[in-house]
Amino acid sequence: MSTPTEHLIVYYDGACPRCRADRRRYERMAGKAGESVQWVDITGRDSELEQMGIDPERALRELHVRDAEGKIHRELDAYILLMRRTWLLRPLA
């Protein structure tokens, strides 16, 4: 798994109000560490997701994160990568 200083790409549903709120909450908690996280809105990007091996329907229901090596992590593994970057959530990771 990635170290907390490596760049991550988070694929999220920008059309979902709860998803946008979760993103804002994470960015507040992460502070400076959140600068190494790039957020990509998956709305209308089904073909791009499929090219990366991500099922667009699953991407709407499950968190997907790409690490610095290009590996896609889903669900709990994806949350762990994000939580390890914030001092408040790190113990849960």
PDB file of N, CA and C in Angstrom:
ATOM      1  N   MET A   1       0.830  -1.191   0.000  1.00  0.00           N
ATOM      2  CA  MET A   1       0.000   0.000   0.000  1.00  0.00           C
ATOM      3  C   MET A   1       0.869   1.247   0.000  1.00  0.00           C
ATOM      4  N   SER A   2       0.284   2.339  -0.448  1.00  0.00           N
ATOM      5  CA  SER A   2       0.994   3.610  -0.538  1.00  0.00           C
ATOM      6  C   SER A   2       1.320   4.166   0.834  1.00  0.00           C
ATOM      7  N   THR A   3       2.372   4.960   0.874  1.00  0.00           N
ATOM      8  CA  THR A   3       2.677   5.682   2.100  1.00  0.00           C
ATOM      9  C   THR A   3       1.864   6.962   2.106  1.00  0.00           C
ATOM     10  N   PRO A   4       1.623   7.548   3.274  1.00  0.00           N
ATOM     11  CA  PRO A   4       0.786   8.742   3.361  1.00  0.00           C
ATOM     12  C   PRO A   4       1.275   9.951   2.565  1.00  0.00           C
ATOM     13  N   THR A   5       2.514   9.957   2.107  1.00  0.00           N
ATOM     14  CA  THR A   5       3.017  11.112   1.371  1.00  0.00           C
ATOM     15  C   THR A   5       2.878  10.955  -0.140  1.00  0.00           C
ATOM     16  N   GLU A   6       2.537   9.781  -0.622  1.00  0.00           N
ATOM     17  CA  GLU A   6       2.406   9.562  -2.057  1.00  0.00           C
ATOM     18  C   GLU A   6       1.080  10.099  -2.564  1.00  0.00           C
ATOM     19  N   HIS A   7       1.066  10.410  -3.838  1.00  0.00           N
ATOM     20  CA  HIS A   7      -0.110  10.962  -4.500  1.00  0.00           C
ATOM     21  C   HIS A   7      -1.193   9.898  -4.657  1.00  0.00           C
ATOM     22  N   LEU A   8      -2.431  10.263  -4.368  1.00  0.00           N
ATOM     23  CA  LEU A   8      -3.584   9.387  -4.566  1.00  0.00           C
ATOM     24  C   LEU A   8      -4.592  10.081  -5.473  1.00  0.00           C
ATOM     25  N   ILE A   9      -5.333   9.286  -6.244  1.00  0.00           N
ATOM     26  CA  ILE A   9      -6.435   9.804  -7.043  1.00  0.00           C
ATOM     27  C   ILE A   9      -7.703   9.129  -6.545  1.00  0.00           C
ATOM     28  N   VAL A  10      -8.673   9.936  -6.139  1.00  0.00           N
ATOM     29  CA  VAL A  10      -9.946   9.428  -5.628  1.00  0.00           C
ATOM     30  C   VAL A  10     -11.009   9.678  -6.676  1.00  0.00           C
ATOM     31  N   TYR A  11     -11.723   8.629  -7.035  1.00  0.00           N
ATOM     32  CA  TYR A  11     -12.818   8.730  -7.994  1.00  0.00           C
ATOM     33  C   TYR A  11     -14.111   8.808  -7.198  1.00  0.00           C
ATOM     34  N   TYR A  12     -14.853   9.906  -7.384  1.00  0.00           N
ATOM     35  CA  TYR A  12     -16.075  10.101  -6.599  1.00  0.00           C
ATOM     36  C   TYR A  12     -17.192  10.630  -7.495  1.00  0.00           C
ATOM     37  N   ASP A  13     -18.414  10.485  -7.021  1.00  0.00           N
ATOM     38  CA  ASP A  13     -19.597  10.910  -7.759  1.00  0.00           C
ATOM     39  C   ASP A  13     -19.893  12.374  -7.428  1.00  0.00           C
ATOM     40  N   GLY A  14     -19.476  13.273  -8.300  1.00  0.00           N
ATOM     41  CA  GLY A  14     -19.689  14.699  -8.081  1.00  0.00           C
ATOM     42  C   GLY A  14     -21.137  15.127  -8.178  1.00  0.00           C
ATOM     43  N   ALA A  15     -22.005  14.259  -8.693  1.00  0.00           N
ATOM     44  CA  ALA A  15     -23.432  14.563  -8.776  1.00  0.00           C
ATOM     45  C   ALA A  15     -24.161  14.196  -7.483  1.00  0.00           C
ATOM     46  N   CYS A  16     -23.472  13.540  -6.584  1.00  0.00           N
ATOM     47  CA  CYS A  16     -24.058  13.065  -5.325  1.00  0.00           C
ATOM     48  C   CYS A  16     -23.759  14.071  -4.210  1.00  0.00           C
ATOM     49  N   PRO A  17     -24.795  14.691  -3.628  1.00  0.00           N
ATOM     50  CA  PRO A  17     -24.569  15.671  -2.559  1.00  0.00           C
ATOM     51  C   PRO A  17     -23.809  15.084  -1.364  1.00  0.00           C
ATOM     52  N   ARG A  18     -24.119  13.871  -0.988  1.00  0.00           N
ATOM     53  CA  ARG A  18     -23.429  13.254   0.153  1.00  0.00           C
ATOM     54  C   ARG A  18     -21.955  13.012  -0.171  1.00  0.00           C
ATOM     55  N   CYS A  19     -21.672  12.599  -1.407  1.00  0.00           N
ATOM     56  CA  CYS A  19     -20.283  12.368  -1.819  1.00  0.00           C
ATOM     57  C   CYS A  19     -19.484  13.670  -1.778  1.00  0.00           C
ATOM     58  N   ARG A  20     -20.100  14.755  -2.236  1.00  0.00           N
ATOM     59  CA  ARG A  20     -19.418  16.060  -2.200  1.00  0.00           C
ATOM     60  C   ARG A  20     -19.176  16.500  -0.756  1.00  0.00           C
ATOM     61  N   ALA A  21     -20.160  16.252   0.110  1.00  0.00           N
ATOM     62  CA  ALA A  21     -20.008  16.604   1.524  1.00  0.00           C
ATOM     63  C   ALA A  21     -18.901  15.771   2.171  1.00  0.00           C
ATOM     64  N   ASP A  22     -18.835  14.485   1.832  1.00  0.00           N
ATOM     65  CA  ASP A  22     -17.774  13.624   2.363  1.00  0.00           C
ATOM     66  C   ASP A  22     -16.404  14.122   1.917  1.00  0.00           C
ATOM     67  N   ARG A  23     -16.318  14.561   0.667  1.00  0.00           N
ATOM     68  CA  ARG A  23     -15.053  15.087   0.158  1.00  0.00           C
ATOM     69  C   ARG A  23     -14.637  16.329   0.955  1.00  0.00           C
ATOM     70  N   ARG A  24     -15.549  17.267   1.135  1.00  0.00           N
ATOM     71  CA  ARG A  24     -15.239  18.493   1.884  1.00  0.00           C
ATOM     72  C   ARG A  24     -14.809  18.169   3.317  1.00  0.00           C
ATOM     73  N   ARG A  25     -15.514  17.226   3.945  1.00  0.00           N
ATOM     74  CA  ARG A  25     -15.189  16.831   5.327  1.00  0.00           C
ATOM     75  C   ARG A  25     -13.775  16.224   5.371  1.00  0.00           C
ATOM     76  N   TYR A  26     -13.467  15.364   4.406  1.00  0.00           N
ATOM     77  CA  TYR A  26     -12.135  14.759   4.368  1.00  0.00           C
ATOM     78  C   TYR A  26     -11.067  15.836   4.175  1.00  0.00           C
ATOM     79  N   GLU A  27     -11.297  16.755   3.252  1.00  0.00           N
ATOM     80  CA  GLU A  27     -10.306  17.803   2.982  1.00  0.00           C
ATOM     81  C   GLU A  27     -10.054  18.648   4.219  1.00  0.00           C
ATOM     82  N   ARG A  28     -11.090  18.942   5.005  1.00  0.00           N
ATOM     83  CA  ARG A  28     -10.912  19.689   6.250  1.00  0.00           C
ATOM     84  C   ARG A  28     -10.067  18.897   7.247  1.00  0.00           C
ATOM     85  N   MET A  29     -10.373  17.611   7.387  1.00  0.00           N
ATOM     86  CA  MET A  29      -9.638  16.783   8.350  1.00  0.00           C
ATOM     87  C   MET A  29      -8.195  16.550   7.904  1.00  0.00           C
ATOM     88  N   ALA A  30      -7.976  16.387   6.611  1.00  0.00           N
ATOM     89  CA  ALA A  30      -6.640  16.066   6.104  1.00  0.00           C
ATOM     90  C   ALA A  30      -5.707  17.266   6.149  1.00  0.00           C
ATOM     91  N   GLY A  31      -6.265  18.460   6.017  1.00  0.00           N
ATOM     92  CA  GLY A  31      -5.410  19.648   6.020  1.00  0.00           C
ATOM     93  C   GLY A  31      -4.367  19.594   4.921  1.00  0.00           C
ATOM     94  N   LYS A  32      -3.127  19.890   5.263  1.00  0.00           N
ATOM     95  CA  LYS A  32      -2.022  19.920   4.305  1.00  0.00           C
ATOM     96  C   LYS A  32      -1.804  18.554   3.644  1.00  0.00           C
ATOM     97  N   ALA A  33      -2.029  17.472   4.375  1.00  0.00           N
ATOM     98  CA  ALA A  33      -1.839  16.123   3.829  1.00  0.00           C
ATOM     99  C   ALA A  33      -2.809  15.855   2.673  1.00  0.00           C
ATOM    100  N   GLY A  34      -3.933  16.553   2.666  1.00  0.00           N
ATOM    101  CA  GLY A  34      -4.914  16.376   1.607  1.00  0.00           C
ATOM    102  C   GLY A  34      -4.477  16.927   0.265  1.00  0.00           C
ATOM    103  N   GLU A  35      -3.402  17.706   0.255  1.00  0.00           N
ATOM    104  CA  GLU A  35      -2.913  18.279  -1.000  1.00  0.00           C
ATOM    105  C   GLU A  35      -2.372  17.222  -1.960  1.00  0.00           C
ATOM    106  N   SER A  36      -2.030  16.057  -1.443  1.00  0.00           N
ATOM    107  CA  SER A  36      -1.518  14.994  -2.309  1.00  0.00           C
ATOM    108  C   SER A  36      -2.637  14.079  -2.801  1.00  0.00           C
ATOM    109  N   VAL A  37      -3.884  14.489  -2.560  1.00  0.00           N
ATOM    110  CA  VAL A  37      -5.044  13.724  -3.018  1.00  0.00           C
ATOM    111  C   VAL A  37      -5.727  14.507  -4.132  1.00  0.00           C
ATOM    112  N   GLN A  38      -5.861  13.877  -5.277  1.00  0.00           N
ATOM    113  CA  GLN A  38      -6.565  14.475  -6.412  1.00  0.00           C
ATOM    114  C   GLN A  38      -7.949  13.841  -6.488  1.00  0.00           C
ATOM    115  N   TRP A  39      -8.976  14.673  -6.586  1.00  0.00           N
ATOM    116  CA  TRP A  39     -10.351  14.198  -6.644  1.00  0.00           C
ATOM    117  C   TRP A  39     -10.839  14.279  -8.082  1.00  0.00           C
ATOM    118  N   VAL A  40     -11.354  13.180  -8.603  1.00  0.00           N
ATOM    119  CA  VAL A  40     -11.831  13.114  -9.980  1.00  0.00           C
ATOM    120  C   VAL A  40     -13.320  12.777  -9.968  1.00  0.00           C
ATOM    121  N   ASP A  41     -14.120  13.689 -10.497  1.00  0.00           N
ATOM    122  CA  ASP A  41     -15.565  13.476 -10.607  1.00  0.00           C
ATOM    123  C   ASP A  41     -15.812  12.471 -11.740  1.00  0.00           C
ATOM    124  N   ILE A  42     -16.491  11.374 -11.427  1.00  0.00           N
ATOM    125  CA  ILE A  42     -16.720  10.320 -12.411  1.00  0.00           C
ATOM    126  C   ILE A  42     -17.981  10.533 -13.240  1.00  0.00           C
ATOM    127  N   THR A  43     -18.720  11.595 -12.971  1.00  0.00           N
ATOM    128  CA  THR A  43     -19.961  11.856 -13.696  1.00  0.00           C
ATOM    129  C   THR A  43     -19.688  11.962 -15.191  1.00  0.00           C
ATOM    130  N   GLY A  44     -20.361  11.100 -15.972  1.00  0.00           N
ATOM    131  CA  GLY A  44     -20.233  11.125 -17.426  1.00  0.00           C
ATOM    132  C   GLY A  44     -18.918  10.593 -17.955  1.00  0.00           C
ATOM    133  N   ARG A  45     -18.180   9.849 -17.158  1.00  0.00           N
ATOM    134  CA  ARG A  45     -16.859   9.363 -17.570  1.00  0.00           C
ATOM    135  C   ARG A  45     -16.802   7.830 -17.611  1.00  0.00           C
ATOM    136  N   ASP A  46     -17.903   7.207 -17.967  1.00  0.00           N
ATOM    137  CA  ASP A  46     -17.981   5.747 -17.960  1.00  0.00           C
ATOM    138  C   ASP A  46     -16.890   5.094 -18.803  1.00  0.00           C
ATOM    139  N   SER A  47     -16.655   5.600 -20.000  1.00  0.00           N
ATOM    140  CA  SER A  47     -15.665   4.957 -20.870  1.00  0.00           C
ATOM    141  C   SER A  47     -14.254   5.073 -20.286  1.00  0.00           C
ATOM    142  N   GLU A  48     -13.941   6.202 -19.659  1.00  0.00           N
ATOM    143  CA  GLU A  48     -12.630   6.359 -19.022  1.00  0.00           C
ATOM    144  C   GLU A  48     -12.465   5.376 -17.869  1.00  0.00           C
ATOM    145  N   LEU A  49     -13.530   5.223 -17.077  1.00  0.00           N
ATOM    146  CA  LEU A  49     -13.481   4.284 -15.961  1.00  0.00           C
ATOM    147  C   LEU A  49     -13.270   2.863 -16.464  1.00  0.00           C
ATOM    148  N   GLU A  50     -14.012   2.491 -17.496  1.00  0.00           N
ATOM    149  CA  GLU A  50     -13.888   1.147 -18.060  1.00  0.00           C
ATOM    150  C   GLU A  50     -12.476   0.892 -18.579  1.00  0.00           C
ATOM    151  N   GLN A  51     -11.853   1.887 -19.177  1.00  0.00           N
ATOM    152  CA  GLN A  51     -10.479   1.739 -19.670  1.00  0.00           C
ATOM    153  C   GLN A  51      -9.495   1.476 -18.535  1.00  0.00           C
ATOM    154  N   MET A  52      -9.821   1.980 -17.351  1.00  0.00           N
ATOM    155  CA  MET A  52      -8.963   1.756 -16.177  1.00  0.00           C
ATOM    156  C   MET A  52      -9.318   0.468 -15.443  1.00  0.00           C
ATOM    157  N   GLY A  53     -10.352  -0.224 -15.933  1.00  0.00           N
ATOM    158  CA  GLY A  53     -10.777  -1.460 -15.279  1.00  0.00           C
ATOM    159  C   GLY A  53     -11.744  -1.249 -14.136  1.00  0.00           C
ATOM    160  N   ILE A  54     -12.387  -0.084 -14.106  1.00  0.00           N
ATOM    161  CA  ILE A  54     -13.361   0.221 -13.064  1.00  0.00           C
ATOM    162  C   ILE A  54     -14.755   0.128 -13.657  1.00  0.00           C
ATOM    163  N   ASP A  55     -15.613  -0.667 -13.035  1.00  0.00           N
ATOM    164  CA  ASP A  55     -17.003  -0.776 -13.450  1.00  0.00           C
ATOM    165  C   ASP A  55     -17.723   0.518 -13.029  1.00  0.00           C
ATOM    166  N   PRO A  56     -18.272   1.283 -13.987  1.00  0.00           N
ATOM    167  CA  PRO A  56     -18.915   2.553 -13.647  1.00  0.00           C
ATOM    168  C   PRO A  56     -20.049   2.424 -12.623  1.00  0.00           C
ATOM    169  N   GLU A  57     -20.805   1.352 -12.679  1.00  0.00           N
ATOM    170  CA  GLU A  57     -21.883   1.154 -11.699  1.00  0.00           C
ATOM    171  C   GLU A  57     -21.313   0.934 -10.297  1.00  0.00           C
ATOM    172  N   ARG A  58     -20.257   0.157 -10.199  1.00  0.00           N
ATOM    173  CA  ARG A  58     -19.624  -0.066  -8.890  1.00  0.00           C
ATOM    174  C   ARG A  58     -18.985   1.216  -8.378  1.00  0.00           C
ATOM    175  N   ALA A  59     -18.466   2.026  -9.290  1.00  0.00           N
ATOM    176  CA  ALA A  59     -17.822   3.281  -8.890  1.00  0.00           C
ATOM    177  C   ALA A  59     -18.819   4.229  -8.225  1.00  0.00           C
ATOM    178  N   LEU A  60     -20.094   4.094  -8.554  1.00  0.00           N
ATOM    179  CA  LEU A  60     -21.119   4.918  -7.927  1.00  0.00           C
ATOM    180  C   LEU A  60     -21.457   4.432  -6.519  1.00  0.00           C
ATOM    181  N   ARG A  61     -21.200   3.159  -6.239  1.00  0.00           N
ATOM    182  CA  ARG A  61     -21.548   2.572  -4.943  1.00  0.00           C
ATOM    183  C   ARG A  61     -20.357   2.359  -4.014  1.00  0.00           C
ATOM    184  N   GLU A  62     -19.157   2.279  -4.583  1.00  0.00           N
ATOM    185  CA  GLU A  62     -17.968   1.954  -3.801  1.00  0.00           C
ATOM    186  C   GLU A  62     -16.863   2.978  -4.067  1.00  0.00           C
ATOM    187  N   LEU A  63     -16.099   3.255  -3.028  1.00  0.00           N
ATOM    188  CA  LEU A  63     -14.964   4.159  -3.185  1.00  0.00           C
ATOM    189  C   LEU A  63     -13.860   3.462  -3.973  1.00  0.00           C
ATOM    190  N   HIS A  64     -13.289   4.184  -4.935  1.00  0.00           N
ATOM    191  CA  HIS A  64     -12.156   3.695  -5.727  1.00  0.00           C
ATOM    192  C   HIS A  64     -11.036   4.729  -5.640  1.00  0.00           C
ATOM    193  N   VAL A  65      -9.826   4.258  -5.339  1.00  0.00           N
ATOM    194  CA  VAL A  65      -8.657   5.126  -5.201  1.00  0.00           C
ATOM    195  C   VAL A  65      -7.506   4.494  -5.979  1.00  0.00           C
ATOM    196  N   ARG A  66      -6.794   5.312  -6.757  1.00  0.00           N
ATOM    197  CA  ARG A  66      -5.604   4.846  -7.463  1.00  0.00           C
ATOM    198  C   ARG A  66      -4.376   5.365  -6.721  1.00  0.00           C
ATOM    199  N   ASP A  67      -3.455   4.462  -6.418  1.00  0.00           N
ATOM    200  CA  ASP A  67      -2.254   4.853  -5.691  1.00  0.00           C
ATOM    201  C   ASP A  67      -1.170   5.337  -6.652  1.00  0.00           C
ATOM    202  N   ALA A  68      -0.026   5.686  -6.105  1.00  0.00           N
ATOM    203  CA  ALA A  68       1.070   6.251  -6.899  1.00  0.00           C
ATOM    204  C   ALA A  68       1.619   5.270  -7.931  1.00  0.00           C
ATOM    205  N   GLU A  69       1.448   3.983  -7.694  1.00  0.00           N
ATOM    206  CA  GLU A  69       1.916   2.969  -8.643  1.00  0.00           C
ATOM    207  C   GLU A  69       0.870   2.650  -9.715  1.00  0.00           C
ATOM    208  N   GLY A  70      -0.312   3.266  -9.607  1.00  0.00           N
ATOM    209  CA  GLY A  70      -1.367   3.043 -10.587  1.00  0.00           C
ATOM    210  C   GLY A  70      -2.343   1.934 -10.231  1.00  0.00           C
ATOM    211  N   LYS A  71      -2.174   1.332  -9.068  1.00  0.00           N
ATOM    212  CA  LYS A  71      -3.070   0.260  -8.633  1.00  0.00           C
ATOM    213  C   LYS A  71      -4.379   0.859  -8.110  1.00  0.00           C
ATOM    214  N   ILE A  72      -5.490   0.243  -8.518  1.00  0.00           N
ATOM    215  CA  ILE A  72      -6.804   0.684  -8.063  1.00  0.00           C
ATOM    216  C   ILE A  72      -7.183  -0.101  -6.809  1.00  0.00           C
ATOM    217  N   HIS A  73      -7.565   0.626  -5.774  1.00  0.00           N
ATOM    218  CA  HIS A  73      -8.034   0.032  -4.515  1.00  0.00           C
ATOM    219  C   HIS A  73      -9.515   0.360  -4.378  1.00  0.00           C
ATOM    220  N   ARG A  74     -10.306  -0.597  -3.879  1.00  0.00           N
ATOM    221  CA  ARG A  74     -11.736  -0.391  -3.713  1.00  0.00           C
ATOM    222  C   ARG A  74     -12.136  -0.589  -2.251  1.00  0.00           C
ATOM    223  N   GLU A  75     -13.293  -0.070  -1.949  1.00  0.00           N
ATOM    224  CA  GLU A  75     -13.955  -0.264  -0.673  1.00  0.00           C
ATOM    225  C   GLU A  75     -13.029  -0.006   0.513  1.00  0.00           C
ATOM    226  N   LEU A  76     -12.908  -0.972   1.421  1.00  0.00           N
ATOM    227  CA  LEU A  76     -12.150  -0.767   2.653  1.00  0.00           C
ATOM    228  C   LEU A  76     -10.692  -0.415   2.393  1.00  0.00           C
ATOM    229  N   ASP A  77     -10.054  -1.075   1.431  1.00  0.00           N
ATOM    230  CA  ASP A  77      -8.653  -0.758   1.118  1.00  0.00           C
ATOM    231  C   ASP A  77      -8.502   0.694   0.683  1.00  0.00           C
ATOM    232  N   ALA A  78      -9.472   1.206  -0.068  1.00  0.00           N
ATOM    233  CA  ALA A  78      -9.436   2.600  -0.518  1.00  0.00           C
ATOM    234  C   ALA A  78      -9.597   3.545   0.673  1.00  0.00           C
ATOM    235  N   TYR A  79     -10.517   3.231   1.572  1.00  0.00           N
ATOM    236  CA  TYR A  79     -10.715   4.069   2.753  1.00  0.00           C
ATOM    237  C   TYR A  79      -9.461   4.085   3.631  1.00  0.00           C
ATOM    238  N   ILE A  80      -8.809   2.948   3.754  1.00  0.00           N
ATOM    239  CA  ILE A  80      -7.591   2.887   4.567  1.00  0.00           C
ATOM    240  C   ILE A  80      -6.525   3.821   4.005  1.00  0.00           C
ATOM    241  N   LEU A  81      -6.354   3.826   2.692  1.00  0.00           N
ATOM    242  CA  LEU A  81      -5.363   4.724   2.082  1.00  0.00           C
ATOM    243  C   LEU A  81      -5.650   6.178   2.426  1.00  0.00           C
ATOM    244  N   LEU A  82      -6.916   6.568   2.377  1.00  0.00           N
ATOM    245  CA  LEU A  82      -7.275   7.949   2.697  1.00  0.00           C
ATOM    246  C   LEU A  82      -7.139   8.240   4.186  1.00  0.00           C
ATOM    247  N   MET A  83      -7.620   7.336   5.025  1.00  0.00           N
ATOM    248  CA  MET A  83      -7.595   7.580   6.468  1.00  0.00           C
ATOM    249  C   MET A  83      -6.179   7.671   7.008  1.00  0.00           C
ATOM    250  N   ARG A  84      -5.242   6.952   6.428  1.00  0.00           N
ATOM    251  CA  ARG A  84      -3.853   6.992   6.901  1.00  0.00           C
ATOM    252  C   ARG A  84      -3.238   8.375   6.751  1.00  0.00           C
ATOM    253  N   ARG A  85      -3.839   9.247   5.981  1.00  0.00           N
ATOM    254  CA  ARG A  85      -3.292  10.586   5.743  1.00  0.00           C
ATOM    255  C   ARG A  85      -3.728  11.621   6.767  1.00  0.00           C
ATOM    256  N   THR A  86      -4.708  11.305   7.576  1.00  0.00           N
ATOM    257  CA  THR A  86      -5.193  12.278   8.554  1.00  0.00           C
ATOM    258  C   THR A  86      -4.879  11.803   9.961  1.00  0.00           C
ATOM    259  N   TRP A  87      -4.378  12.691  10.786  1.00  0.00           N
ATOM    260  CA  TRP A  87      -4.002  12.297  12.141  1.00  0.00           C
ATOM    261  C   TRP A  87      -5.220  11.825  12.922  1.00  0.00           C
ATOM    262  N   LEU A  88      -6.387  12.394  12.648  1.00  0.00           N
ATOM    263  CA  LEU A  88      -7.601  12.034  13.369  1.00  0.00           C
ATOM    264  C   LEU A  88      -8.096  10.633  13.005  1.00  0.00           C
ATOM    265  N   LEU A  89      -7.988  10.265  11.740  1.00  0.00           N
ATOM    266  CA  LEU A  89      -8.491   8.968  11.271  1.00  0.00           C
ATOM    267  C   LEU A  89      -7.421   7.870  11.219  1.00  0.00           C
ATOM    268  N   ARG A  90      -6.169   8.242  11.331  1.00  0.00           N
ATOM    269  CA  ARG A  90      -5.078   7.256  11.213  1.00  0.00           C
ATOM    270  C   ARG A  90      -5.233   6.071  12.139  1.00  0.00           C
ATOM    271  N   PRO A  91      -5.657   6.251  13.400  1.00  0.00           N
ATOM    272  CA  PRO A  91      -5.824   5.071  14.255  1.00  0.00           C
ATOM    273  C   PRO A  91      -6.860   4.067  13.721  1.00  0.00           C
ATOM    274  N   LEU A  92      -7.848   4.534  13.004  1.00  0.00           N
ATOM    275  CA  LEU A  92      -8.856   3.637  12.439  1.00  0.00           C
ATOM    276  C   LEU A  92      -8.322   2.876  11.237  1.00  0.00           C
ATOM    277  N   ALA A  93      -7.353   3.463  10.545  1.00  0.00           N
ATOM    278  CA  ALA A  93      -6.803   2.838   9.350  1.00  0.00           C
ATOM    279  C   ALA A  93      -5.997   1.620   9.725  1.00  0.00           C
TER     280      ALA A  93
END
